[in-house]
Amino acid sequence: MALYSDLLAKASIASIPKSNGAQAIDKLHAALKCAKQTTFLVKLSVELGIQEMIGEIWDIVTPYVSNNAALANISSLIYGAGKDAFPEGTTVRFDCMSDGEVKFGVDGDKVGSVSGESDAFLNAFLGDVSVFPSLHLSVVENCCKEDESDSGEAGKANFSDGQINFVIKEANNKAHFDAVRKFQHTVRYLGQSNEQIGEKAQECQRLAVGILYEDSMSGTGWVSL
């Protein structure tokens, strides 16, 4: 699984120690609700039939969606992908927009959208560590700071890892990752001093930092969390 969103959302937890992983996820969760777009990109490690795919998504979001009609719409979208089966390596994309819309894509092709359920998907992926422990752990390890009194195990995120059939996407390369770290410090300072300057600094980062890219479907630049 890959998580993409606004760079400032990532920066919001940069000062939290890795040992406070639960606090970091809670803060990131709140920040992502204010982001213009947050995307979860899932790469299947096993083949799933269409009914199995629908069942997997239902299992994830059913406790959080607002009504049964939303579940029916999600099923229709999966059927709309035009596949009888989803082979290993298939990518399924969920774009959670600030207006509540969730856009679906399969293997880079836009399938459709469901209105008013972006919070449900954010809650499903980030609200309960027991559902996606590896995603939570990856976010904390990549975005939070080392503990000042780190002595081996003490600095690790306080999540128990579990078996999960997804691949965590990391930054494209170390040079770009280091560049983002440096930009984060600058943006946090500017953002605290002047909101307007902070917004302009964010746009400058999107042009300057190499790991942000133009997405083929929406044209929005994201950073991998």
Protein backbone atom coordinates (compact mmCIF):
# COMPACT_ATOMS: atom_id res chain seq x y z
CA MET A 1 0.00 0.00 0.00
CA ALA A 2 1.14 3.53 -0.81
CA LEU A 3 -0.18 6.67 0.86
CA TYR A 4 0.07 10.03 -0.91
CA SER A 5 -1.07 13.43 0.27
CA ASP A 6 -0.09 17.03 0.87
CA LEU A 7 3.49 17.62 1.99
CA LEU A 8 2.31 19.80 4.87
CA ALA A 9 0.25 16.89 6.21
CA LYS A 10 3.44 14.86 6.34
CA ALA A 11 5.28 17.74 8.00
CA SER A 12 2.59 17.94 10.70
CA ILE A 13 3.97 14.82 12.42
CA ALA A 14 7.68 15.35 11.72
CA SER A 15 8.33 16.64 15.25
CA ILE A 16 6.61 13.71 16.98
CA PRO A 17 8.99 10.96 18.24
CA LYS A 18 8.62 7.53 16.68
CA SER A 19 7.86 6.09 20.10
CA ASN A 20 4.61 8.12 20.10
CA GLY A 21 3.31 6.36 17.01
CA ALA A 22 -0.35 6.34 18.02
CA GLN A 23 -0.29 10.10 18.65
CA ALA A 24 1.37 10.66 15.27
CA ILE A 25 -1.27 8.66 13.41
CA ASP A 26 -4.07 10.53 15.19
CA LYS A 27 -2.54 13.88 14.25
CA LEU A 28 -1.90 12.81 10.65
CA HIS A 29 -5.46 11.50 10.42
CA ALA A 30 -6.79 14.92 11.45
CA ALA A 31 -4.44 16.72 9.04
CA LEU A 32 -5.46 14.54 6.10
CA LYS A 33 -9.11 15.46 6.65
CA CYS A 34 -8.09 19.03 5.80
CA ALA A 35 -5.94 18.08 2.80
CA LYS A 36 -7.28 18.70 -0.69
CA GLN A 37 -6.61 15.10 -1.70
CA THR A 38 -5.31 11.95 -0.03
CA THR A 39 -4.74 8.81 -2.06
CA PHE A 40 -4.41 5.19 -0.99
CA LEU A 41 -2.88 3.02 -3.70
CA VAL A 42 -3.12 -0.73 -3.10
CA LYS A 43 -1.12 -3.30 -5.07
CA LEU A 44 -2.54 -6.80 -4.87
CA SER A 45 -0.16 -9.57 -3.87
CA VAL A 46 -2.67 -12.31 -4.81
CA GLU A 47 -5.29 -12.69 -7.52
CA LEU A 48 -8.87 -11.88 -6.51
CA GLY A 49 -12.11 -12.63 -8.30
CA ILE A 50 -14.54 -9.78 -8.67
CA GLN A 51 -16.71 -10.98 -5.77
CA GLU A 52 -13.60 -11.43 -3.61
CA MET A 53 -12.47 -7.91 -4.47
CA ILE A 54 -15.85 -6.46 -3.53
CA GLY A 55 -15.82 -8.49 -0.32
CA GLU A 56 -12.36 -7.23 0.63
CA ILE A 57 -13.36 -3.60 0.15
CA TRP A 58 -16.63 -4.12 1.98
CA ASP A 59 -14.79 -5.69 4.92
CA ILE A 60 -12.56 -2.63 5.12
CA VAL A 61 -15.13 0.17 4.86
CA THR A 62 -18.44 -1.31 6.09
CA PRO A 63 -17.94 -0.18 9.74
CA TYR A 64 -17.36 3.40 8.54
CA VAL A 65 -19.60 4.18 5.53
CA SER A 66 -22.72 6.22 6.13
CA ASN A 67 -25.28 3.91 4.50
CA ASN A 68 -25.89 0.73 2.53
CA ALA A 69 -26.38 2.73 -0.65
CA ALA A 70 -22.70 3.69 -0.51
CA LEU A 71 -21.73 0.01 -0.35
CA ALA A 72 -23.94 -0.70 -3.35
CA ASN A 73 -22.28 2.15 -5.26
CA ILE A 74 -18.83 0.81 -4.40
CA SER A 75 -19.85 -2.61 -5.76
CA SER A 76 -21.09 -1.00 -8.98
CA LEU A 77 -17.77 0.78 -9.41
CA ILE A 78 -15.80 -2.45 -9.07
CA TYR A 79 -18.06 -4.07 -11.68
CA GLY A 80 -17.49 -0.98 -13.80
CA ALA A 81 -13.80 -1.80 -14.01
CA GLY A 82 -14.82 -4.45 -16.54
CA LYS A 83 -12.78 -7.27 -15.01
CA ASP A 84 -13.83 -10.79 -14.09
CA ALA A 85 -10.72 -11.11 -11.93
CA PHE A 86 -8.01 -8.86 -10.53
CA PRO A 87 -4.63 -10.60 -10.99
CA GLU A 88 -1.61 -10.26 -8.72
CA GLY A 89 0.00 -6.87 -9.28
CA THR A 90 -3.29 -5.05 -9.98
CA THR A 91 -3.32 -1.55 -8.49
CA VAL A 92 -6.51 -0.20 -6.94
CA ARG A 93 -6.63 3.49 -6.16
CA PHE A 94 -8.83 5.47 -3.79
CA ASP A 95 -8.65 9.29 -4.09
CA CYS A 96 -10.21 10.84 -0.98
CA MET A 97 -11.13 14.44 -1.81
CA SER A 98 -11.74 17.31 0.60
CA ASP A 99 -15.36 17.63 -0.55
CA GLY A 100 -16.09 14.05 0.56
CA GLU A 101 -15.89 12.39 -2.85
CA VAL A 102 -13.89 9.16 -3.24
CA LYS A 103 -12.63 8.50 -6.76
CA PHE A 104 -11.82 4.92 -7.77
CA GLY A 105 -9.20 3.78 -10.27
CA VAL A 106 -7.92 0.36 -11.36
CA ASP A 107 -4.54 -0.03 -13.07
CA GLY A 108 -4.44 3.67 -13.88
CA ASP A 109 -7.92 3.81 -15.41
CA LYS A 110 -10.59 5.95 -13.79
CA VAL A 111 -13.62 3.86 -12.81
CA GLY A 112 -15.94 6.31 -11.06
CA SER A 113 -16.63 7.91 -7.70
CA VAL A 114 -18.77 7.78 -4.56
CA SER A 115 -19.94 10.97 -2.85
CA GLY A 116 -19.57 11.80 0.82
CA GLU A 117 -17.40 8.87 1.91
CA SER A 118 -13.84 10.22 2.06
CA ASP A 119 -13.87 10.31 5.86
CA ALA A 120 -15.02 6.69 5.88
CA PHE A 121 -11.99 5.62 3.85
CA LEU A 122 -9.61 7.71 5.96
CA ASN A 123 -11.08 6.14 9.09
CA ALA A 124 -10.84 2.66 7.58
CA PHE A 125 -7.17 2.94 6.66
CA LEU A 126 -5.91 5.11 9.52
CA GLY A 127 -8.45 4.86 12.32
CA ASP A 128 -7.64 1.40 13.69
CA VAL A 129 -4.05 0.20 13.82
CA SER A 130 -5.15 -3.44 14.06
CA VAL A 131 -6.59 -3.30 10.52
CA PHE A 132 -3.48 -2.00 8.72
CA PRO A 133 -0.58 -2.21 11.21
CA SER A 134 2.11 -2.22 8.52
CA LEU A 135 0.77 1.00 6.97
CA HIS A 136 0.74 2.74 10.35
CA LEU A 137 4.23 1.52 11.15
CA SER A 138 5.58 2.65 7.78
CA VAL A 139 4.09 6.14 8.21
CA VAL A 140 5.67 6.55 11.64
CA GLU A 141 9.06 5.17 10.59
CA ASN A 142 9.22 7.43 7.51
CA CYS A 143 7.70 10.63 8.88
CA CYS A 144 8.42 10.92 12.61
CA LYS A 145 11.66 11.92 14.27
CA GLU A 146 14.05 9.68 16.17
CA ASP A 147 13.69 9.74 19.94
CA GLU A 148 16.33 11.83 21.67
CA SER A 149 16.99 9.01 24.12
CA ASP A 150 16.86 6.36 21.41
CA SER A 151 18.69 3.24 22.46
CA GLY A 152 17.78 0.53 20.04
CA GLU A 153 14.26 -0.69 20.68
CA ALA A 154 13.24 2.47 22.58
CA GLY A 155 12.98 4.55 19.41
CA LYS A 156 10.70 2.23 17.46
CA ALA A 157 7.05 2.99 16.83
CA ASN A 158 4.71 1.49 19.39
CA PHE A 159 2.78 -0.66 16.93
CA SER A 160 2.77 -4.44 16.77
CA ASP A 161 3.35 -5.43 13.15
CA GLY A 162 1.11 -8.06 11.57
CA GLN A 163 0.72 -10.07 8.40
CA ILE A 164 -0.63 -7.95 5.57
CA ASN A 165 -0.74 -8.64 1.85
CA PHE A 166 0.27 -5.18 0.70
CA VAL A 167 3.53 -3.52 -0.32
CA ILE A 168 4.52 -0.33 1.50
CA LYS A 169 5.80 2.24 -0.98
CA GLU A 170 8.89 4.16 0.13
CA ALA A 171 10.37 7.40 -1.18
CA ASN A 172 11.77 7.16 -4.71
CA ASN A 173 15.37 7.49 -3.58
CA LYS A 174 17.42 8.72 -0.63
CA ALA A 175 18.48 12.00 -2.25
CA HIS A 176 14.90 13.06 -2.83
CA PHE A 177 13.86 11.90 0.62
CA ASP A 178 16.62 14.01 2.22
CA ALA A 179 15.57 16.99 0.12
CA VAL A 180 12.01 16.69 1.39
CA ARG A 181 13.26 16.60 4.98
CA LYS A 182 15.10 19.91 4.48
CA PHE A 183 12.09 21.53 2.81
CA GLN A 184 9.83 20.42 5.64
CA HIS A 185 11.79 22.42 8.20
CA THR A 186 11.62 25.53 6.01
CA VAL A 187 7.89 25.22 5.36
CA ARG A 188 7.04 24.68 9.02
CA TYR A 189 8.91 27.89 9.92
CA LEU A 190 7.33 29.93 7.13
CA GLY A 191 3.89 28.49 7.82
CA GLN A 192 4.07 29.51 11.47
CA SER A 193 5.25 33.01 10.58
CA ASN A 194 2.89 33.83 7.74
CA GLU A 195 0.13 31.63 6.37
CA GLN A 196 0.25 33.17 2.91
CA ILE A 197 4.02 32.69 2.65
CA GLY A 198 3.56 29.11 3.84
CA GLU A 199 1.12 28.42 1.00
CA LYS A 200 3.51 29.87 -1.57
CA ALA A 201 6.38 27.88 -0.09
CA GLN A 202 4.32 24.73 -0.48
CA GLU A 203 3.84 25.45 -4.19
CA CYS A 204 7.57 26.06 -4.58
CA GLN A 205 8.25 22.65 -3.09
CA ARG A 206 5.95 21.00 -5.59
CA LEU A 207 8.12 22.42 -8.35
CA ALA A 208 11.50 21.91 -6.68
CA VAL A 209 11.30 18.52 -4.99
CA GLY A 210 11.85 15.69 -7.41
CA ILE A 211 9.60 13.10 -5.80
CA LEU A 212 6.45 15.04 -6.58
CA TYR A 213 5.04 14.11 -9.94
CA GLU A 214 2.18 14.86 -12.28
CA ASP A 215 -0.44 12.18 -11.96
CA SER A 216 -1.94 10.94 -15.20
CA MET A 217 -5.51 11.03 -13.92
CA SER A 218 -5.80 14.18 -11.84
CA GLY A 219 -2.67 16.20 -12.52
CA THR A 220 -2.03 16.62 -8.80
CA GLY A 221 1.43 16.32 -7.26
CA TRP A 222 1.74 14.11 -4.20
CA VAL A 223 4.41 12.98 -1.82
CA SER A 224 4.67 9.41 -0.61
CA LEU A 225 4.11 9.05 3.13
